[in-house]
Protein backbone atom coordinates (compact mmCIF):
# COMPACT_ATOMS: atom_id res chain seq x y z
CA MET A 1 10.08 -21.48 -77.50
CA ILE A 2 9.89 -23.32 -80.31
CA ALA A 3 13.14 -24.99 -79.55
CA ARG A 4 12.30 -25.64 -76.17
CA SER A 5 9.07 -27.25 -76.97
CA ARG A 6 11.14 -29.45 -79.30
CA GLN A 7 13.39 -30.57 -75.93
CA VAL A 8 10.69 -31.30 -74.27
CA ALA A 9 8.98 -33.47 -77.20
CA LEU A 10 11.76 -35.16 -77.52
CA ALA A 11 12.33 -36.10 -73.49
CA LEU A 12 9.11 -36.45 -72.47
CA THR A 13 8.70 -40.84 -73.02
CA VAL A 14 6.29 -41.70 -69.87
CA VAL A 15 3.23 -42.71 -70.98
CA LEU A 16 0.69 -41.70 -67.63
CA ALA A 17 -2.10 -43.62 -66.74
CA ALA A 18 -5.73 -43.96 -67.96
CA GLY A 19 -8.60 -42.40 -66.59
CA ALA A 20 -12.15 -43.82 -67.25
CA ALA A 21 -14.77 -41.91 -69.08
CA CYS A 22 -17.24 -40.55 -66.78
CA GLN A 23 -18.41 -38.90 -63.61
CA ALA A 24 -19.38 -42.97 -62.83
CA ARG A 25 -16.11 -43.89 -63.00
CA SER A 26 -13.80 -45.29 -60.34
CA HIS A 27 -10.99 -42.64 -59.75
CA ALA A 28 -7.84 -43.89 -58.23
CA PRO A 29 -7.90 -44.65 -54.81
CA SER A 30 -4.56 -43.00 -53.91
CA GLY A 31 -2.30 -40.56 -54.78
CA PRO A 32 -0.07 -37.04 -54.17
CA GLY A 33 -1.88 -35.43 -51.95
CA ARG A 34 -5.47 -37.20 -51.47
CA PRO A 35 -6.86 -37.95 -48.08
CA ALA A 36 -6.45 -41.52 -46.74
CA PRO A 37 -9.97 -42.84 -45.43
CA SER A 38 -10.52 -43.53 -42.13
CA ALA A 39 -12.83 -45.42 -40.41
CA ALA A 40 -13.75 -42.58 -37.60
CA GLY A 41 -15.30 -41.35 -40.01
CA PRO A 42 -16.30 -39.85 -43.38
CA ARG A 43 -13.05 -39.10 -45.44
CA GLY A 44 -12.83 -35.91 -47.37
CA PHE A 45 -11.27 -35.31 -50.99
CA THR A 46 -9.30 -33.95 -53.95
CA LEU A 47 -10.28 -31.64 -56.22
CA VAL A 48 -8.29 -30.92 -59.70
CA ALA A 49 -8.90 -27.96 -61.77
CA SER A 50 -7.40 -26.88 -64.88
CA GLY A 51 -8.07 -23.80 -67.99
CA ASP A 52 -9.05 -22.44 -70.94
CA VAL A 53 -9.68 -24.88 -74.08
CA LEU A 54 -9.62 -22.85 -76.63
CA PRO A 55 -8.80 -24.54 -79.91
CA HIS A 56 -7.12 -22.69 -82.44
CA ASP A 57 -7.48 -23.58 -86.53
CA THR A 58 -3.31 -25.27 -85.91
CA ILE A 59 -4.75 -27.29 -82.87
CA ILE A 60 -7.84 -28.56 -84.81
CA ASP A 61 -5.68 -29.47 -87.77
CA ARG A 62 -3.39 -31.90 -84.93
CA ALA A 63 -6.53 -33.76 -83.87
CA ARG A 64 -6.96 -34.28 -87.20
CA PHE A 65 -3.66 -34.98 -87.99
CA ASP A 66 -3.99 -37.69 -84.80
CA SER A 67 -6.93 -38.96 -85.85
CA GLY A 68 -4.86 -40.62 -88.92
CA GLY A 69 -7.36 -38.52 -91.23
CA THR A 70 -10.12 -39.55 -90.02
CA GLY A 71 -12.03 -37.65 -87.38
CA TYR A 72 -10.46 -35.74 -84.48
CA ASP A 73 -9.09 -37.18 -82.24
CA PHE A 74 -8.35 -34.73 -78.71
CA ARG A 75 -6.88 -37.49 -76.50
CA PRO A 76 -3.15 -37.86 -77.51
CA MET A 77 -2.92 -33.90 -76.86
CA LEU A 78 -3.62 -34.44 -72.59
CA ASP A 79 -1.87 -37.77 -72.06
CA GLY A 80 0.35 -35.72 -70.75
CA VAL A 81 -2.63 -34.92 -67.08
CA ARG A 82 -3.96 -37.69 -67.19
CA SER A 83 -3.37 -39.38 -64.28
CA VAL A 84 -3.49 -35.55 -62.55
CA VAL A 85 -6.50 -35.58 -63.42
CA SER A 86 -7.80 -38.79 -63.49
CA GLY A 87 -6.28 -39.51 -60.01
CA ALA A 88 -8.56 -36.94 -58.24
CA ASP A 89 -12.17 -37.25 -56.88
CA LEU A 90 -13.67 -34.29 -58.91
CA ALA A 91 -11.85 -32.91 -62.38
CA LEU A 92 -13.09 -29.64 -63.80
CA CYS A 93 -12.23 -27.71 -66.73
CA HIS A 94 -12.78 -24.95 -68.82
CA MET A 95 -14.62 -25.26 -72.56
CA GLU A 96 -13.68 -21.90 -73.37
CA THR A 97 -15.50 -23.07 -77.37
CA VAL A 98 -18.88 -24.09 -78.59
CA TYR A 99 -18.74 -27.47 -80.42
CA GLY A 100 -19.60 -26.93 -85.00
CA ALA A 101 -20.95 -29.67 -86.52
CA ASP A 102 -20.24 -31.78 -89.84
CA GLY A 103 -16.72 -29.94 -90.52
CA ASP A 104 -17.95 -27.14 -89.77
CA TYR A 105 -14.87 -26.11 -87.64
CA SER A 106 -12.71 -23.02 -86.80
CA GLY A 107 -10.72 -20.86 -84.93
CA TYR A 108 -10.27 -17.41 -83.92
CA PRO A 109 -12.55 -15.60 -84.19
CA THR A 110 -15.45 -17.02 -83.45
CA PHE A 111 -14.59 -20.62 -82.60
CA LYS A 112 -16.82 -24.16 -83.34
CA SER A 113 -14.60 -26.62 -82.30
CA PRO A 114 -14.87 -30.57 -83.03
CA PRO A 115 -17.28 -32.59 -80.97
CA GLU A 116 -14.77 -34.76 -80.31
CA VAL A 117 -13.30 -32.34 -77.24
CA ALA A 118 -15.74 -33.74 -74.49
CA ARG A 119 -14.47 -37.45 -75.40
CA ALA A 120 -10.84 -36.09 -74.85
CA LEU A 121 -11.59 -34.48 -72.07
CA ALA A 122 -13.61 -37.82 -70.33
CA VAL A 123 -11.18 -40.28 -71.08
CA THR A 124 -8.57 -37.76 -69.47
CA GLY A 125 -10.59 -37.33 -66.16
CA TYR A 126 -12.70 -35.08 -65.87
CA ASP A 127 -16.40 -34.89 -64.27
CA GLY A 128 -17.33 -31.53 -65.51
CA CYS A 129 -16.56 -28.69 -67.34
CA SER A 130 -17.20 -24.93 -67.29
CA THR A 131 -18.82 -23.32 -70.33
CA ALA A 132 -19.18 -19.94 -69.18
CA SER A 133 -17.31 -17.00 -71.76
CA ASN A 134 -17.10 -14.99 -73.72
CA HIS A 135 -17.31 -17.52 -76.85
CA THR A 136 -20.24 -19.45 -75.61
CA LEU A 137 -22.59 -17.18 -77.78
CA ASP A 138 -20.29 -17.82 -81.26
CA ASP A 139 -22.75 -20.08 -82.39
CA GLY A 140 -25.63 -18.42 -80.86
CA ALA A 141 -28.19 -21.37 -79.42
CA ASP A 142 -27.08 -24.44 -81.38
CA GLY A 143 -23.35 -24.18 -80.52
CA ILE A 144 -24.61 -24.54 -76.85
CA ARG A 145 -27.34 -26.63 -77.55
CA ARG A 146 -24.60 -29.24 -80.06
CA THR A 147 -21.73 -28.27 -76.99
CA LEU A 148 -24.07 -29.59 -73.63
CA ASP A 149 -25.16 -32.41 -76.17
CA ALA A 150 -21.85 -33.53 -76.70
CA LEU A 151 -20.83 -33.29 -72.44
CA ASP A 152 -24.06 -34.60 -72.13
CA ARG A 153 -23.06 -38.09 -74.41
CA ALA A 154 -19.07 -38.19 -72.68
CA GLY A 155 -20.19 -38.41 -69.30
CA VAL A 156 -18.86 -35.06 -68.10
CA ARG A 157 -21.07 -32.13 -66.57
CA HIS A 158 -21.55 -28.80 -67.67
CA ALA A 159 -21.87 -25.29 -65.82
CA GLY A 160 -22.45 -22.31 -66.80
CA SER A 161 -24.31 -22.66 -69.87
CA ALA A 162 -27.96 -24.11 -70.62
CA ARG A 163 -30.09 -25.22 -73.15
CA THR A 164 -34.22 -24.43 -71.89
CA GLU A 165 -34.78 -21.74 -68.68
CA GLU A 166 -34.82 -25.00 -66.67
CA GLU A 167 -31.67 -26.19 -67.31
CA ALA A 168 -30.33 -22.91 -66.70
CA ARG A 169 -32.51 -22.41 -63.40
CA THR A 170 -30.48 -26.34 -61.87
CA VAL A 171 -27.08 -26.32 -60.16
CA THR A 172 -24.84 -28.52 -61.76
CA VAL A 173 -24.08 -30.62 -59.02
CA LEU A 174 -21.54 -33.73 -58.36
CA GLN A 175 -20.33 -36.47 -56.54
CA ALA A 176 -16.90 -36.33 -54.34
CA GLY A 177 -16.06 -38.57 -52.41
CA PRO A 178 -18.84 -38.35 -49.70
CA ALA A 179 -19.99 -34.56 -51.09
CA LYS A 180 -21.26 -32.89 -52.89
CA ILE A 181 -20.28 -30.30 -54.90
CA ALA A 182 -22.19 -27.34 -57.29
CA HIS A 183 -20.62 -25.94 -59.54
CA LEU A 184 -20.98 -22.48 -60.73
CA ALA A 185 -19.89 -20.85 -63.74
CA TYR A 186 -20.26 -17.23 -64.90
CA THR A 187 -18.42 -14.85 -67.15
CA TYR A 188 -17.82 -11.63 -67.89
CA HIS A 189 -19.12 -10.85 -71.08
CA THR A 190 -19.92 -12.43 -74.68
CA ASN A 191 -18.22 -10.54 -76.81
CA GLY A 192 -21.22 -8.34 -77.71
CA ILE A 193 -22.61 -10.92 -79.65
CA PRO A 194 -26.41 -10.33 -78.19
CA PHE A 195 -28.19 -13.52 -76.65
CA PRO A 196 -30.75 -16.01 -78.31
CA GLU A 197 -34.08 -13.89 -78.92
CA GLY A 198 -36.00 -14.80 -75.63
CA GLN A 199 -33.01 -16.68 -74.21
CA PRO A 200 -31.81 -14.34 -71.42
CA TRP A 201 -30.68 -17.18 -69.37
CA ALA A 202 -28.27 -19.08 -71.91
CA VAL A 203 -24.68 -18.11 -70.42
CA ASN A 204 -24.38 -16.74 -66.95
CA LEU A 205 -23.17 -13.22 -66.67
CA ILE A 206 -21.08 -12.40 -63.73
CA ASP A 207 -23.12 -10.42 -61.61
CA GLU A 208 -21.83 -10.26 -57.83
CA SER A 209 -25.08 -10.87 -55.86
CA ARG A 210 -27.22 -13.26 -59.05
CA ILE A 211 -23.65 -15.76 -58.05
CA LEU A 212 -24.70 -15.29 -54.14
CA ALA A 213 -27.77 -16.00 -54.60
CA ASP A 214 -27.38 -19.38 -56.31
CA ALA A 215 -24.18 -20.51 -53.80
CA ARG A 216 -26.81 -20.07 -50.73
CA ALA A 217 -29.57 -21.55 -52.73
CA ALA A 218 -27.29 -24.42 -53.04
CA ARG A 219 -25.78 -24.54 -50.24
CA GLY A 220 -29.83 -25.32 -49.22
CA ALA A 221 -30.59 -27.22 -51.03
CA GLY A 222 -27.56 -29.95 -49.98
CA ALA A 223 -24.30 -28.78 -51.23
CA ASP A 224 -21.96 -29.35 -48.92
CA VAL A 225 -19.06 -27.31 -51.18
CA VAL A 226 -20.06 -24.37 -53.13
CA VAL A 227 -17.44 -24.39 -56.19
CA VAL A 228 -17.58 -20.98 -59.23
CA SER A 229 -15.87 -20.80 -61.93
CA LEU A 230 -15.47 -16.91 -63.36
CA HIS A 231 -14.50 -16.53 -66.71
CA TRP A 232 -13.02 -12.71 -65.40
CA GLY A 233 -10.21 -10.86 -65.52
CA THR A 234 -6.92 -8.83 -68.23
CA GLU A 235 -6.06 -10.01 -71.13
CA TRP A 236 -2.53 -10.82 -71.07
CA GLN A 237 -2.48 -8.96 -68.13
CA ASP A 238 0.19 -11.74 -65.14
CA ALA A 239 -1.50 -9.72 -61.91
CA PRO A 240 -5.38 -10.28 -61.58
CA ASP A 241 -6.62 -6.43 -62.39
CA GLU A 242 -9.12 -4.85 -59.85
CA VAL A 243 -12.35 -5.77 -60.90
CA GLN A 244 -10.54 -9.67 -59.57
CA LEU A 245 -9.54 -8.70 -57.10
CA SER A 246 -12.62 -6.68 -55.49
CA LEU A 247 -15.33 -9.51 -56.82
CA ALA A 248 -13.60 -11.80 -55.24
CA ARG A 249 -12.97 -9.66 -51.53
CA SER A 250 -16.92 -9.71 -52.29
CA LEU A 251 -17.11 -13.62 -53.25
CA THR A 252 -14.94 -14.51 -49.89
CA ALA A 253 -16.46 -12.45 -47.76
CA ALA A 254 -20.16 -13.61 -47.28
CA ARG A 255 -21.27 -15.94 -45.11
CA GLY A 256 -24.60 -18.01 -44.26
CA ALA A 257 -25.30 -20.23 -41.80
CA GLY A 258 -22.21 -19.76 -40.12
CA ARG A 259 -20.11 -20.81 -42.96
CA PRO A 260 -18.91 -19.08 -46.03
CA ASP A 261 -21.08 -19.04 -49.41
CA ILE A 262 -18.60 -20.10 -51.43
CA ASP A 263 -15.50 -22.80 -50.88
CA LEU A 264 -13.73 -22.33 -53.67
CA ILE A 265 -13.36 -20.00 -57.11
CA LEU A 266 -11.30 -20.75 -60.79
CA GLY A 267 -10.67 -17.87 -62.85
CA THR A 268 -9.94 -18.91 -66.50
CA HIS A 269 -9.67 -15.52 -69.87
CA ALA A 270 -6.94 -14.11 -69.16
CA HIS A 271 -4.42 -16.70 -71.75
CA VAL A 272 -1.53 -16.54 -69.00
CA PRO A 273 -1.48 -18.25 -65.70
CA GLN A 274 -2.10 -15.28 -62.92
CA ALA A 275 -1.57 -15.78 -59.35
CA TYR A 276 -3.41 -18.30 -56.51
CA GLU A 277 -4.52 -16.03 -53.07
CA LYS A 278 -6.06 -17.26 -49.82
CA VAL A 279 -8.51 -14.35 -49.28
CA ASN A 280 -11.07 -14.56 -47.08
CA GLY A 281 -10.14 -17.78 -45.71
CA THR A 282 -10.51 -19.17 -49.18
CA TRP A 283 -9.23 -20.21 -52.10
CA VAL A 284 -9.05 -18.15 -54.99
CA ILE A 285 -6.95 -18.77 -58.05
CA TYR A 286 -7.77 -15.14 -60.79
CA GLY A 287 -6.68 -17.27 -63.79
CA MET A 288 -5.05 -21.28 -64.62
CA GLY A 289 -3.99 -19.65 -68.30
CA ASP A 290 -5.03 -21.76 -71.34
CA GLN A 291 -4.66 -25.73 -70.92
CA ILE A 292 -4.50 -26.57 -74.71
CA ALA A 293 -3.97 -22.95 -76.60
CA GLY A 294 -2.46 -22.46 -80.61
CA LEU A 295 0.87 -20.10 -80.15
CA MET A 296 -1.12 -16.78 -80.02
CA THR A 297 -0.59 -13.03 -80.53
CA ASN A 298 -0.87 -10.84 -77.96
CA HIS A 299 -2.14 -7.33 -77.74
CA GLU A 300 0.72 -5.82 -79.09
CA GLY A 301 0.83 -7.78 -81.52
CA ALA A 302 3.52 -9.98 -81.08
CA LYS A 303 3.54 -14.11 -80.96
CA ASP A 304 3.32 -14.21 -76.78
CA PRO A 305 4.30 -18.19 -75.31
CA ARG A 306 2.54 -17.03 -71.68
CA GLY A 307 -0.58 -17.83 -74.05
CA ASN A 308 0.55 -21.30 -73.39
CA GLN A 309 1.50 -21.64 -70.33
CA SER A 310 -1.31 -22.87 -67.30
CA THR A 311 -1.51 -25.04 -64.17
CA LEU A 312 -3.81 -26.94 -62.51
CA GLY A 313 -5.16 -26.36 -59.30
CA ARG A 314 -5.40 -29.35 -56.65
CA PHE A 315 -6.89 -29.67 -53.61
CA THR A 316 -7.53 -31.75 -50.98
CA PHE A 317 -10.82 -31.51 -48.99
CA ALA A 318 -11.19 -32.69 -44.89
CA PRO A 319 -14.54 -33.21 -43.87
CA PRO A 320 -16.23 -30.36 -41.37
CA ALA A 321 -15.01 -30.86 -37.62
CA ARG A 322 -19.14 -30.60 -36.71
CA PRO A 323 -22.04 -31.07 -38.47
CA GLY A 324 -22.97 -28.25 -40.52
CA GLY A 325 -19.33 -26.86 -41.04
CA ARG A 326 -16.98 -26.09 -43.72
CA TRP A 327 -15.17 -28.89 -45.95
CA GLU A 328 -11.63 -27.46 -45.10
CA VAL A 329 -8.81 -27.36 -47.97
CA THR A 330 -6.43 -28.51 -45.55
CA ARG A 331 -3.48 -29.14 -48.76
CA ALA A 332 -3.40 -26.73 -51.66
CA GLU A 333 -1.16 -27.03 -54.65
CA PHE A 334 -0.27 -25.65 -58.24
CA VAL A 335 1.06 -27.88 -61.10
CA PRO A 336 2.53 -26.48 -63.38
CA GLN A 337 2.36 -26.68 -67.48
CA LEU A 338 3.13 -26.00 -70.82
CA PHE A 339 1.64 -26.99 -74.01
CA ASP A 340 4.01 -27.74 -76.42
CA VAL A 341 2.57 -26.23 -79.66
CA ASP A 342 5.39 -28.31 -81.62
CA ALA A 343 3.81 -31.65 -80.27
CA GLY A 344 0.56 -30.71 -79.85
CA ARG A 345 0.89 -32.10 -76.65
CA VAL A 346 0.10 -30.72 -72.91
CA VAL A 347 3.47 -30.86 -70.51
CA ASN A 348 3.70 -31.85 -67.10
CA LEU A 349 7.07 -29.03 -66.57
CA ASN A 350 7.82 -30.84 -62.63
CA ARG A 351 7.71 -34.27 -64.87
CA ALA A 352 8.63 -33.17 -67.45
CA LEU A 353 11.66 -31.48 -66.24
CA ALA A 354 12.12 -35.18 -63.99
CA GLN A 355 13.41 -36.20 -67.34
CA GLY A 356 16.20 -33.80 -68.69
CA ALA A 357 13.48 -31.29 -70.53
CA ASP A 358 14.46 -28.05 -70.76
CA VAL A 359 12.03 -26.73 -69.19
CA ARG A 360 12.88 -25.21 -65.96
CA ALA A 361 13.35 -21.10 -67.00
CA VAL A 362 9.68 -21.67 -67.92
CA ARG A 363 8.34 -23.72 -64.55
CA ASP A 364 10.22 -21.12 -62.98
CA ARG A 365 8.39 -17.77 -64.79
CA ILE A 366 5.06 -19.64 -63.87
CA ARG A 367 5.56 -20.60 -59.48
CA ASP A 368 6.67 -16.88 -59.78
CA VAL A 369 3.58 -15.49 -60.78
CA VAL A 370 1.56 -18.49 -59.20
CA LEU A 371 3.33 -17.45 -55.29
CA SER A 372 3.47 -13.49 -55.87
CA ARG A 373 0.69 -13.10 -54.18
CA GLY A 374 2.02 -14.65 -50.75
CA ALA A 375 -0.10 -18.00 -50.89
CA ALA A 376 3.50 -20.05 -50.17
CA LYS A 377 2.50 -18.38 -47.13
CA ASP A 378 -0.61 -19.93 -46.58
CA GLY A 379 0.76 -23.18 -47.37
CA LEU A 380 0.05 -23.37 -51.36
CA VAL A 381 2.87 -25.68 -52.53
CA MET A 382 3.93 -27.02 -55.44
CA GLY A 383 3.01 -30.40 -57.14
CA GLU A 384 3.67 -32.53 -59.51
């Protein structure tokens, strides 16, 4: 893996186009999979989503180095996927960790990341992030507050954790072209860390009835599309576990007002890429993998390069055929990624391969996992 990472860093010479900084920015007018405007009616939109941003100590050190030693600069880490992210109408990430303060930063096992991560996400083109994870309570209520404050300053919306009860009850709604997108986020647990006293709403826990109630409330409030981020699954397991499969079936089967309650499920947590699957007519990504992470040790105590492999999901939605109908996914894509731990950069593997980097084996491994539950027959393709 290390030798391959160095080859990637040497081969990757293209500087990708920049995106603007916040939700109100103008995204690129065209790009792969993007629907063209139509004079006959509203155009569709593209949504891009990516996996866990998990800054270990080595990642924090790299950001310090990239800043010239005067702060923390995470922007170069994400340059390799900037054009894909900023080219979407809506881009969602997963901010797994909370932010520290005044240089009090740490990696595993209790994460406190520099708040400069938020600015890098915005500059890359992300509009919003899920913030519900097993590490959301690593620094209690203060960690949540610092994290959401920093995301707010950067213009990146968030879902899954809250500073106040009112905020916890407020659905995150983002604009994607002509469509209103509700973003909901939940985690399976918080590593046994108790909720802050008097704040049972600080982070959303996975509960099927709660998720469906929230989705229906969002739909009733005018959301055209409901996207649910779930921090779930078994770490280091390529295949989704039975809990994931069962919950995916139940959530995608739920319907109200003549259409499904949920339009897309985005999974994180497992540290490795997992399958995409169309379940009851709805796309589910069981696990996108870690987009940014140090070289990690798996449960067997071995360094596992799969922890630096991930995907971006890209979905093109078309407007409903009738008022009140469902926005349908007309194109589903995955983009394989690698975090080069030597260079400290996220690499778009298809583009790196086209430039001569020795990444075919890892690219193909990710592809095989993503397609392992038959998504190709439902139209999922590998994108650039």
